[in-house]
N, C-alpha and C. Protein backbone atom coordinates (compact mmCIF):
# COMPACT_ATOMS: atom_id res chain seq x y z
N UNK A 1 165.79 86.95 173.91
CA UNK A 1 164.25 86.14 174.26
C UNK A 1 164.65 84.77 175.24
N UNK A 2 165.39 84.17 174.37
CA UNK A 2 165.45 83.07 175.25
C UNK A 2 166.35 83.45 176.35
N UNK A 3 167.45 84.20 176.58
CA UNK A 3 167.92 84.48 177.77
C UNK A 3 167.07 85.03 178.96
N UNK A 4 166.39 85.56 178.17
CA UNK A 4 165.31 86.43 178.97
C UNK A 4 164.52 85.13 179.94
N UNK A 5 164.17 84.53 179.11
CA UNK A 5 163.18 82.95 179.53
C UNK A 5 164.22 82.04 180.52
N UNK A 6 165.53 81.90 180.42
CA UNK A 6 166.33 81.38 180.73
C UNK A 6 166.31 81.96 182.48
N UNK A 7 166.57 83.21 182.23
CA UNK A 7 167.04 83.91 183.46
C UNK A 7 165.52 83.78 184.17
N UNK A 8 164.53 84.06 184.06
CA UNK A 8 163.00 83.90 184.95
C UNK A 8 162.91 82.23 185.07
N UNK A 9 163.63 81.73 183.85
CA UNK A 9 163.33 80.00 184.85
C UNK A 9 164.68 79.93 185.72
N UNK A 10 165.37 80.32 185.81
CA UNK A 10 166.47 80.27 187.18
C UNK A 10 166.42 80.97 188.16
N UNK A 11 165.52 81.91 188.50
CA UNK A 11 164.82 82.47 189.46
C UNK A 11 163.90 81.78 189.54
N UNK A 12 162.89 81.30 188.86
CA UNK A 12 161.95 80.63 189.05
C UNK A 12 162.46 79.68 190.02
N UNK A 13 163.26 78.41 189.72
CA UNK A 13 164.08 77.43 189.90
C UNK A 13 164.55 77.86 191.53
N UNK A 14 165.00 79.21 191.44
CA UNK A 14 166.18 79.54 193.21
C UNK A 14 164.78 79.88 193.76
N UNK A 15 163.83 80.20 193.46
CA UNK A 15 163.16 80.29 194.31
C UNK A 15 162.02 79.39 195.06
N UNK A 16 162.06 78.63 193.81
CA UNK A 16 161.41 77.07 194.46
C UNK A 16 162.15 76.42 195.07
N UNK A 17 163.78 76.42 195.25
CA UNK A 17 164.95 76.05 195.84
C UNK A 17 164.57 76.28 197.11
N UNK A 18 164.43 77.86 197.12
CA UNK A 18 164.51 78.30 198.41
C UNK A 18 163.16 77.92 199.29
N UNK A 19 162.01 77.78 198.56
CA UNK A 19 160.74 77.83 199.11
C UNK A 19 160.98 76.10 199.98
N UNK A 20 161.15 75.15 198.75
CA UNK A 20 161.37 73.83 199.87
C UNK A 20 161.98 73.74 200.55
N UNK A 21 163.30 74.63 200.97
CA UNK A 21 164.52 74.40 201.60
C UNK A 21 164.13 75.21 203.30
N UNK A 22 163.11 76.11 202.85
CA UNK A 22 161.89 76.65 204.29
C UNK A 22 160.80 75.83 204.61
N UNK A 23 160.52 74.84 203.85
CA UNK A 23 159.84 73.83 203.98
C UNK A 23 160.29 72.86 205.00
N UNK A 24 161.45 71.95 204.54
CA UNK A 24 161.91 71.15 205.13
C UNK A 24 162.78 71.50 206.12
N UNK A 25 162.88 72.93 206.11
CA UNK A 25 163.39 73.73 207.82
C UNK A 25 162.62 73.43 208.59
N UNK A 26 161.43 74.02 208.49
CA UNK A 26 160.05 73.71 209.33
C UNK A 26 159.73 72.15 209.71
N UNK A 27 159.57 71.58 209.07
CA UNK A 27 159.75 70.22 209.20
C UNK A 27 160.70 69.60 210.34
N UNK A 28 161.95 69.97 209.61
CA UNK A 28 163.10 69.31 210.43
C UNK A 28 162.90 70.16 212.10
N UNK A 29 162.44 71.41 211.85
CA UNK A 29 162.52 72.24 213.13
C UNK A 29 161.05 71.69 214.04
N UNK A 30 159.96 71.21 213.42
CA UNK A 30 159.21 70.63 213.73
C UNK A 30 159.31 69.45 214.80
N UNK A 31 160.17 68.30 213.71
CA UNK A 31 160.39 67.17 214.80
C UNK A 31 161.33 67.50 215.52
N UNK A 32 162.12 68.00 215.58
CA UNK A 32 163.05 68.35 216.88
C UNK A 32 162.15 69.11 218.11
N UNK A 33 161.24 69.73 217.91
CA UNK A 33 160.29 69.98 218.77
C UNK A 33 159.69 68.95 219.64
N UNK A 34 159.40 68.06 218.57
CA UNK A 34 158.20 66.93 219.21
C UNK A 34 159.16 66.22 220.13
N UNK A 35 160.95 65.88 219.49
CA UNK A 35 161.73 64.86 219.98
C UNK A 35 162.12 65.44 221.06
N UNK A 36 162.10 66.60 221.43
CA UNK A 36 162.57 67.22 222.49
C UNK A 36 161.81 67.43 223.83
N UNK A 37 160.10 67.58 223.16
CA UNK A 37 159.16 66.95 224.27
C UNK A 37 158.71 65.72 224.35
N UNK A 38 159.17 64.80 223.81
CA UNK A 38 159.08 63.46 223.99
C UNK A 38 160.18 63.55 224.94
N UNK A 39 161.34 63.39 224.75
CA UNK A 39 162.58 63.16 225.62
C UNK A 39 161.99 63.78 226.78
N UNK A 40 161.92 64.86 227.17
CA UNK A 40 161.42 65.62 228.34
C UNK A 40 160.14 65.19 229.05
N UNK A 41 159.25 64.44 228.52
CA UNK A 41 158.54 63.88 229.38
C UNK A 41 158.77 62.01 229.52
N UNK A 42 159.34 61.85 228.62
CA UNK A 42 160.44 60.34 229.29
C UNK A 42 161.33 60.42 230.48
N UNK A 43 161.95 61.80 230.11
CA UNK A 43 162.63 61.88 231.72
C UNK A 43 161.93 62.28 233.14
N UNK A 44 160.76 62.67 232.78
CA UNK A 44 159.97 63.52 233.93
C UNK A 44 159.78 61.46 234.27
N UNK A 45 159.22 61.01 233.00
CA UNK A 45 158.21 59.39 233.70
C UNK A 45 159.35 58.79 234.11
N UNK A 46 160.70 58.83 233.87
CA UNK A 46 161.65 57.65 234.45
C UNK A 46 162.24 58.26 235.64
N UNK A 47 161.96 59.43 235.87
CA UNK A 47 161.91 59.95 237.02
C UNK A 47 161.53 59.69 238.53
N UNK A 48 159.90 59.74 237.93
CA UNK A 48 158.67 59.08 238.86
C UNK A 48 158.99 58.14 238.84
N UNK A 49 159.32 57.17 237.77
CA UNK A 49 159.31 55.86 237.78
C UNK A 49 160.31 55.17 239.51
N UNK A 50 161.35 55.79 238.70
CA UNK A 50 162.92 55.61 239.77
C UNK A 50 162.19 56.10 241.43
N UNK A 51 161.92 57.29 241.18
CA UNK A 51 161.03 57.24 242.76
C UNK A 51 160.46 56.57 243.63
N UNK A 52 159.57 55.96 242.57
CA UNK A 52 158.36 54.91 242.76
C UNK A 52 159.25 53.84 243.21
N UNK A 53 160.05 53.34 242.38
CA UNK A 53 160.75 51.97 242.45
C UNK A 53 161.70 52.00 243.68
N UNK A 54 162.21 53.60 244.00
CA UNK A 54 163.07 53.23 245.35
C UNK A 54 161.97 53.30 246.50
N UNK A 55 160.68 54.09 246.72
CA UNK A 55 159.92 53.86 247.64
C UNK A 55 159.40 52.16 248.10
N UNK A 56 158.92 51.64 246.41
CA UNK A 56 158.60 50.07 246.61
C UNK A 56 159.51 49.27 247.31
N UNK A 57 160.90 49.71 247.19
CA UNK A 57 162.02 48.91 247.78
C UNK A 57 162.37 49.22 249.25
N UNK A 58 161.89 50.43 249.66
CA UNK A 58 161.98 50.92 250.81
C UNK A 58 160.84 49.81 251.58
N UNK A 59 160.08 49.55 250.96
CA UNK A 59 158.75 48.81 251.21
C UNK A 59 158.89 47.48 252.11
N UNK A 60 158.45 46.97 253.39
CA UNK A 60 159.19 45.25 253.64
C UNK A 60 158.22 45.26 254.90
N UNK A 61 157.90 44.08 255.45
CA UNK A 61 157.44 43.58 256.08
C UNK A 61 157.95 43.07 257.48
N UNK A 62 157.53 43.03 258.78
CA UNK A 62 158.28 42.37 259.85
C UNK A 62 159.07 41.26 259.38
N UNK A 63 158.31 40.25 258.50
CA UNK A 63 158.36 38.96 258.18
C UNK A 63 159.55 38.89 257.04
N UNK A 64 159.99 40.02 256.21
CA UNK A 64 161.17 39.92 255.06
C UNK A 64 162.47 40.00 256.44
N UNK A 65 162.32 40.65 257.20
CA UNK A 65 163.53 40.78 258.58
C UNK A 65 164.46 39.52 258.23
N UNK A 66 165.90 39.79 258.21
CA UNK A 66 166.21 38.25 258.65
C UNK A 66 166.95 38.41 259.82
N UNK A 67 166.87 37.91 261.36
CA UNK A 67 167.57 38.66 262.55
C UNK A 67 168.89 36.93 262.46
N UNK A 68 169.81 36.63 261.79
CA UNK A 68 170.49 35.14 262.09
C UNK A 68 172.37 35.95 262.23
N UNK A 69 173.08 35.55 263.02
CA UNK A 69 174.02 36.38 263.16
C UNK A 69 174.60 37.77 262.76
N UNK A 70 174.19 38.59 263.50
CA UNK A 70 173.95 39.85 263.52
C UNK A 70 175.84 40.25 263.34
N UNK A 71 176.09 41.24 263.00
CA UNK A 71 177.18 41.85 262.40
C UNK A 71 177.23 42.98 263.54
N UNK A 72 178.28 43.78 264.22
CA UNK A 72 178.32 44.63 264.79
C UNK A 72 179.90 45.35 264.06
N UNK A 73 179.26 46.48 263.41
CA UNK A 73 180.36 47.05 262.70
C UNK A 73 181.20 48.04 263.46
N UNK A 74 182.44 48.15 263.91
CA UNK A 74 183.15 49.39 264.13
C UNK A 74 184.29 49.59 263.14
N UNK A 75 184.87 50.95 263.83
CA UNK A 75 186.27 51.51 263.15
C UNK A 75 187.20 50.88 262.62
N UNK A 76 187.49 49.91 261.83
CA UNK A 76 188.45 48.74 261.82
C UNK A 76 188.81 48.77 260.33
N UNK A 77 189.84 49.02 260.35
CA UNK A 77 190.91 49.70 259.12
C UNK A 77 191.15 48.61 258.21
N UNK A 78 191.59 47.34 259.45
CA UNK A 78 192.68 46.92 258.10
C UNK A 78 191.97 45.37 258.06
N UNK A 79 192.73 45.00 257.09
CA UNK A 79 191.91 43.88 256.19
C UNK A 79 191.10 42.81 257.02
N UNK A 80 189.72 42.59 256.51
CA UNK A 80 188.92 41.49 256.65
C UNK A 80 189.04 40.31 256.11
N UNK A 81 188.10 39.17 256.69
CA UNK A 81 188.24 37.86 256.06
C UNK A 81 187.80 37.82 254.26
N UNK A 82 188.21 37.17 253.56
CA UNK A 82 187.89 36.63 251.82
C UNK A 82 186.15 37.05 252.03
N UNK A 83 186.43 37.50 250.65
CA UNK A 83 184.42 37.87 250.38
C UNK A 83 184.26 36.02 249.63
N UNK A 84 182.83 35.77 250.50
CA UNK A 84 182.61 34.22 249.78
C UNK A 84 182.25 34.49 248.45
N UNK A 85 182.62 35.00 247.54
CA UNK A 85 181.87 34.98 246.08
C UNK A 85 181.54 33.69 245.58
N UNK A 86 180.64 33.59 245.24
CA UNK A 86 179.94 32.47 244.52
C UNK A 86 180.61 32.07 242.80
N UNK A 87 180.54 30.79 242.50
CA UNK A 87 181.22 30.66 241.30
C UNK A 87 180.62 31.18 240.24
N UNK A 88 181.44 31.55 239.20
CA UNK A 88 180.71 32.42 237.56
C UNK A 88 179.67 30.89 237.09
N UNK A 89 178.32 31.66 236.39
CA UNK A 89 177.80 30.73 236.31
C UNK A 89 176.67 29.99 236.98
N UNK A 90 176.93 30.34 238.32
CA UNK A 90 175.65 30.35 239.47
C UNK A 90 175.14 31.10 239.58
N UNK A 91 173.69 31.00 239.99
CA UNK A 91 172.96 31.95 240.42
C UNK A 91 173.78 33.15 241.31
N UNK A 92 173.79 34.34 241.53
CA UNK A 92 174.22 35.35 242.71
C UNK A 92 173.40 35.94 243.06
N UNK A 93 173.71 36.68 244.35
CA UNK A 93 173.19 37.45 244.96
C UNK A 93 173.09 38.99 244.16
N UNK A 94 172.11 39.72 244.83
CA UNK A 94 172.14 41.47 244.57
C UNK A 94 171.50 42.26 245.73
N UNK A 95 173.12 43.17 245.70
CA UNK A 95 172.51 44.04 247.08
C UNK A 95 171.69 44.59 246.74
N UNK A 96 170.98 45.41 247.58
CA UNK A 96 169.97 46.66 247.16
C UNK A 96 170.15 47.50 248.29
N UNK A 97 170.76 48.74 248.33
CA UNK A 97 170.42 49.75 249.68
C UNK A 97 169.46 50.96 249.05
N UNK A 98 168.70 50.71 249.17
CA UNK A 98 167.38 52.18 248.99
C UNK A 98 167.63 53.32 249.38
N UNK A 99 168.03 53.68 250.53
CA UNK A 99 168.67 54.70 251.15
C UNK A 99 169.74 54.38 251.46
N UNK A 100 170.97 55.16 250.80
CA UNK A 100 172.42 54.74 251.39
C UNK A 100 172.58 56.45 251.66
N UNK A 101 171.76 57.45 251.91
CA UNK A 101 172.49 58.48 252.66
C UNK A 101 171.41 58.71 254.05
N UNK A 102 171.57 59.22 254.98
CA UNK A 102 170.91 60.48 255.68
C UNK A 102 171.46 61.74 256.36
N UNK A 103 170.45 62.65 256.59
CA UNK A 103 171.52 63.81 256.84
C UNK A 103 170.50 64.12 258.44
N UNK A 104 171.20 64.42 259.33
CA UNK A 104 170.19 64.63 260.79
C UNK A 104 170.01 66.05 261.28
N UNK A 105 170.87 66.61 260.33
CA UNK A 105 170.80 68.19 260.57
C UNK A 105 171.52 68.70 261.53
N UNK A 106 171.26 69.52 262.33
CA UNK A 106 171.70 70.30 263.00
C UNK A 106 171.61 69.05 264.32
N UNK A 107 172.70 69.29 265.21
CA UNK A 107 172.77 68.45 266.57
C UNK A 107 173.32 68.88 267.76
N UNK A 108 173.20 68.50 268.76
CA UNK A 108 173.85 69.20 269.71
C UNK A 108 174.90 68.43 270.03
N UNK A 109 176.25 68.89 270.91
CA UNK A 109 177.94 68.76 271.04
C UNK A 109 177.84 67.05 271.70
N UNK A 110 176.41 66.84 272.09
CA UNK A 110 176.67 65.75 273.25
C UNK A 110 175.82 64.56 272.69
N UNK A 111 175.08 64.86 271.77
CA UNK A 111 173.91 64.18 271.29
C UNK A 111 174.56 62.70 270.97
N UNK A 112 173.33 61.69 270.65
CA UNK A 112 174.15 60.70 270.13
C UNK A 112 172.80 60.13 269.15
N UNK A 113 172.93 60.09 268.01
CA UNK A 113 171.89 59.77 267.11
C UNK A 113 171.95 58.82 266.59
N UNK A 114 170.64 57.71 266.10
CA UNK A 114 170.82 57.55 265.06
C UNK A 114 169.29 57.12 264.14
N UNK A 115 170.02 56.44 262.93
CA UNK A 115 168.94 55.75 262.05
C UNK A 115 169.05 54.44 261.31
N UNK A 116 168.00 53.79 261.14
CA UNK A 116 167.63 52.48 260.73
C UNK A 116 167.95 52.44 259.18
N UNK A 117 168.55 51.90 258.23
CA UNK A 117 168.60 51.43 256.87
C UNK A 117 168.23 49.90 256.23
N UNK A 118 167.56 50.04 255.62
CA UNK A 118 167.71 48.44 255.06
C UNK A 118 168.45 48.16 253.90
N UNK A 119 168.89 46.32 254.23
CA UNK A 119 169.82 46.26 252.72
C UNK A 119 168.89 44.83 252.57
N UNK A 120 168.74 45.44 250.97
CA UNK A 120 168.08 43.97 250.83
C UNK A 120 168.40 43.05 249.62
N UNK A 121 168.37 41.59 249.41
CA UNK A 121 169.01 40.72 248.71
C UNK A 121 168.29 40.68 247.36
N UNK A 122 168.04 40.90 246.22
CA UNK A 122 167.28 40.89 244.84
C UNK A 122 167.68 40.36 243.97
N UNK A 123 168.95 39.38 244.63
CA UNK A 123 169.30 38.19 243.34
C UNK A 123 168.35 36.73 243.46
N UNK A 124 169.35 36.04 243.63
CA UNK A 124 168.69 34.54 243.36
C UNK A 124 169.24 33.87 244.27
N UNK A 125 170.48 34.15 244.99
CA UNK A 125 171.07 33.59 246.01
C UNK A 125 171.65 34.26 247.48
N UNK A 126 171.70 33.38 248.24
CA UNK A 126 171.98 33.97 249.12
C UNK A 126 172.97 35.44 249.32
N UNK A 127 172.94 36.57 250.06
CA UNK A 127 173.82 37.51 250.06
C UNK A 127 174.38 37.12 251.16
N UNK A 128 175.88 37.36 251.38
CA UNK A 128 176.89 37.21 252.39
C UNK A 128 177.30 38.15 252.74
N UNK A 129 177.52 38.87 254.11
CA UNK A 129 178.00 40.13 254.69
C UNK A 129 178.90 39.67 255.33
N UNK A 130 180.48 39.64 254.25
CA UNK A 130 181.67 38.52 255.16
C UNK A 130 181.90 40.09 256.33
N UNK A 131 181.92 41.64 256.30
CA UNK A 131 182.91 42.43 256.99
C UNK A 131 181.88 43.60 256.84
N UNK A 132 181.82 44.82 258.00
CA UNK A 132 181.02 46.05 257.87
C UNK A 132 182.32 46.81 258.59
N UNK A 133 182.58 47.86 258.43
CA UNK A 133 183.34 48.92 258.90
C UNK A 133 182.90 50.06 259.00
N UNK A 134 183.26 51.24 260.04
CA UNK A 134 182.87 52.56 259.82
C UNK A 134 184.34 53.13 259.72
N UNK A 135 183.95 54.41 258.93
CA UNK A 135 185.27 55.64 258.74
C UNK A 135 185.56 56.52 259.87
N UNK A 136 184.95 56.20 260.57
CA UNK A 136 185.36 56.80 262.36
C UNK A 136 184.76 56.20 263.74
N UNK A 137 185.30 56.47 264.34
CA UNK A 137 185.29 55.76 265.79
C UNK A 137 184.19 56.14 266.32
N UNK A 138 183.80 57.35 265.71
CA UNK A 138 182.35 58.09 266.65
C UNK A 138 181.08 57.43 265.97
N UNK A 139 181.06 56.63 265.14
CA UNK A 139 180.08 56.05 264.19
C UNK A 139 179.99 54.41 264.61
N UNK A 140 179.06 53.42 264.93
CA UNK A 140 178.75 52.15 264.73
C UNK A 140 177.85 51.81 264.25
N UNK A 141 177.54 50.70 263.85
CA UNK A 141 176.70 49.97 263.31
C UNK A 141 176.15 48.91 263.62
N UNK A 142 175.07 48.20 263.81
CA UNK A 142 174.27 46.88 263.62
C UNK A 142 173.88 46.49 262.41
N UNK A 143 174.13 45.18 261.74
CA UNK A 143 173.19 44.94 261.01
C UNK A 143 172.45 43.73 261.07
N UNK A 144 171.52 43.30 261.18
CA UNK A 144 170.60 42.35 261.97
C UNK A 144 171.24 41.10 261.59
N UNK A 145 171.45 40.49 260.07
CA UNK A 145 171.95 39.21 259.64
C UNK A 145 173.13 39.08 258.88
N UNK A 146 174.09 38.02 258.56
CA UNK A 146 175.41 38.27 258.12
C UNK A 146 175.05 37.39 257.13
N UNK A 147 173.85 36.55 256.64
CA UNK A 147 173.25 36.10 255.33
C UNK A 147 171.88 36.26 255.21
N UNK A 148 171.83 37.04 254.31
CA UNK A 148 170.37 37.44 253.50
C UNK A 148 169.46 36.68 252.64
N UNK A 149 168.93 35.76 252.81
CA UNK A 149 168.12 34.91 251.46
C UNK A 149 167.37 35.93 250.61
N UNK A 150 167.56 35.61 249.68
CA UNK A 150 166.95 36.28 248.43
C UNK A 150 165.29 36.31 248.69
N UNK A 151 164.93 38.05 248.21
CA UNK A 151 163.69 38.66 248.59
C UNK A 151 163.74 39.28 250.21
N UNK A 152 164.73 39.12 251.08
CA UNK A 152 164.34 38.80 252.19
C UNK A 152 165.21 40.38 252.36
N UNK A 153 165.38 40.86 254.00
CA UNK A 153 166.14 42.15 253.80
C UNK A 153 166.77 42.16 254.90
N UNK A 154 167.90 42.82 255.64
CA UNK A 154 168.69 43.15 256.48
C UNK A 154 168.35 44.88 257.50
N UNK A 155 168.20 44.52 258.83
CA UNK A 155 167.71 46.44 259.24
C UNK A 155 169.47 46.49 259.53
N UNK A 156 169.42 47.50 259.47
CA UNK A 156 171.24 48.91 259.79
C UNK A 156 170.86 49.49 260.60
N UNK A 157 171.63 49.34 262.13
CA UNK A 157 171.36 50.56 262.59
C UNK A 157 172.47 51.29 262.49
N UNK A 158 172.77 52.59 262.61
CA UNK A 158 173.63 53.19 262.81
C UNK A 158 173.92 54.25 263.41
N UNK A 159 174.69 54.59 264.33
CA UNK A 159 174.48 55.16 265.82
C UNK A 159 175.81 56.35 265.56
N UNK A 160 175.63 57.74 265.55
CA UNK A 160 176.66 58.67 265.39
C UNK A 160 176.57 59.50 266.73
N UNK A 161 177.73 59.70 267.34
CA UNK A 161 178.00 60.22 268.56
C UNK A 161 178.86 61.53 268.66
N UNK A 162 178.09 62.45 268.68
CA UNK A 162 178.66 63.57 268.20
C UNK A 162 179.53 64.39 269.64
N UNK A 163 179.81 63.52 270.64
CA UNK A 163 180.55 63.87 271.95
C UNK A 163 181.71 63.18 271.58
N UNK A 164 182.07 62.25 271.03
CA UNK A 164 183.30 61.15 270.75
C UNK A 164 184.61 62.11 270.21
N UNK A 165 184.29 62.73 269.54
CA UNK A 165 186.04 64.01 268.78
C UNK A 165 185.26 65.43 269.37
N UNK A 166 186.09 66.05 270.18
CA UNK A 166 186.15 67.37 270.89
C UNK A 166 185.70 67.99 269.33
N UNK A 167 186.71 67.83 268.45
CA UNK A 167 186.88 69.03 267.55
C UNK A 167 185.62 68.97 266.32
N UNK A 168 184.83 68.14 266.46
CA UNK A 168 183.51 68.28 265.66
C UNK A 168 182.80 68.71 266.12
N UNK A 169 182.75 69.58 266.98
CA UNK A 169 181.83 70.57 266.99
C UNK A 169 181.85 71.40 266.62
N UNK A 170 181.06 72.59 266.40
CA UNK A 170 180.85 73.60 265.11
C UNK A 170 181.31 72.91 263.51
N UNK A 171 181.13 72.12 263.28
CA UNK A 171 181.54 71.14 261.98
C UNK A 171 180.73 70.10 261.84
N UNK A 172 180.10 70.11 260.21
CA UNK A 172 179.89 69.97 259.52
C UNK A 172 180.75 68.36 259.25
N UNK A 173 179.66 66.83 259.80
CA UNK A 173 180.72 65.89 259.37
C UNK A 173 180.03 64.83 258.70
N UNK A 174 180.63 63.81 258.23
CA UNK A 174 180.21 62.74 257.26
C UNK A 174 180.96 61.65 257.86
N UNK A 175 179.86 60.58 257.80
CA UNK A 175 180.73 59.16 258.41
C UNK A 175 179.98 57.95 257.30
N UNK A 176 181.02 57.20 256.78
CA UNK A 176 180.41 56.38 256.12
C UNK A 176 180.62 54.99 256.79
N UNK A 177 179.86 53.75 256.44
CA UNK A 177 179.20 52.56 256.92
C UNK A 177 179.94 51.66 255.43
N UNK A 178 181.12 50.75 255.64
CA UNK A 178 181.15 50.29 254.36
C UNK A 178 180.92 48.62 254.97
N UNK A 179 179.91 47.84 253.63
CA UNK A 179 179.71 46.67 253.90
C UNK A 179 180.26 45.58 252.66
N UNK A 180 181.00 45.14 253.15
CA UNK A 180 181.96 44.21 251.87
C UNK A 180 180.75 42.64 252.25
N UNK A 181 180.50 42.41 250.82
CA UNK A 181 179.46 41.62 250.40
C UNK A 181 179.77 40.71 249.11
N UNK A 182 179.11 39.49 249.19
CA UNK A 182 179.13 38.81 247.59
C UNK A 182 178.55 39.08 246.65
N UNK A 183 178.12 40.16 246.50
CA UNK A 183 177.52 40.40 245.36
C UNK A 183 178.60 41.08 244.65
N UNK A 184 179.07 40.19 243.14
CA UNK A 184 180.12 40.36 242.16
C UNK A 184 179.72 41.59 241.67
N UNK A 185 178.80 42.52 241.67
CA UNK A 185 179.20 43.48 240.64
C UNK A 185 178.80 44.83 241.55
N UNK A 186 178.93 44.50 243.14
CA UNK A 186 179.17 45.66 244.11
C UNK A 186 179.86 44.99 245.41
N UNK A 187 180.76 44.59 245.16
CA UNK A 187 181.20 44.02 246.48
C UNK A 187 181.36 44.85 247.39
N UNK A 188 181.47 45.91 247.41
CA UNK A 188 181.72 47.07 248.28
C UNK A 188 180.77 48.14 248.38
N UNK A 189 179.95 48.04 249.60
CA UNK A 189 178.07 48.88 249.61
C UNK A 189 178.48 49.77 250.67
N UNK A 190 177.92 51.30 250.58
CA UNK A 190 178.65 52.31 251.19
C UNK A 190 176.94 52.74 251.60
N UNK A 191 176.45 53.00 253.18
CA UNK A 191 175.89 54.16 253.39
C UNK A 191 176.71 55.50 254.16
N UNK A 192 176.24 56.71 254.06
CA UNK A 192 176.59 57.72 254.55
C UNK A 192 175.55 58.41 255.61
N UNK A 193 176.22 59.03 256.11
CA UNK A 193 175.47 59.79 257.64
C UNK A 193 176.47 61.36 257.74
N UNK A 194 175.34 62.34 258.22
CA UNK A 194 175.76 63.37 258.29
C UNK A 194 174.95 64.37 259.12
N UNK A 195 175.82 65.48 259.81
CA UNK A 195 175.57 65.91 260.96
C UNK A 195 176.03 67.36 260.86
N UNK A 196 175.22 68.15 261.89
CA UNK A 196 176.00 69.57 261.75
C UNK A 196 175.94 69.45 263.50
N UNK A 197 177.25 69.52 263.81
CA UNK A 197 177.53 69.81 265.52
C UNK A 197 177.48 70.94 266.12
N UNK A 198 176.41 71.44 266.72
CA UNK A 198 176.19 72.51 267.16
C UNK A 198 177.53 72.75 268.39
N UNK A 199 177.75 74.25 268.76
CA UNK A 199 178.34 74.92 269.52
C UNK A 199 178.39 74.71 271.01
N UNK A 200 176.40 74.49 271.19
CA UNK A 200 176.21 74.08 272.46
C UNK A 200 174.66 73.92 271.97
């Protein structure tokens, strides 16, 4: 009799334990679903916020643009002048290039295309561009200023000449502009352009 009661108690305890585990599993599963939904929502929000921030960074007025000692960038791979970094502990510049690439799409074999980008100084000290060079002679660029005060922007006009190299015909080409500057966190900033050069 006592043995039968202990078997029943043991069975009841096992059933109770199984019920308790099933309940815990439901709670954990529910929590994971909620966390997953929150993460998806946060990711979507962060993505939209990032896009908005990029869009905001592209907005500027003519008064924001600096025209002072412009730099002509050409294909020049040899070493340039030293970068004028500011002393540690001092206010620092911060380079921001909201649009770092552009695809011109399909262009003709003799087409010359151009695109204007901006460089913004979001730091607290002047941003100095010591040198700018392109990755190929078919690409040139002009930067409207070599020193950009905090909160101001410089315009960068990049020109790509499809007829510069005969071998570019029928190819997709990608060319870059490298900007050496005194932002200690990003002393070499890059902008890239791309084009598919048609046969005719």
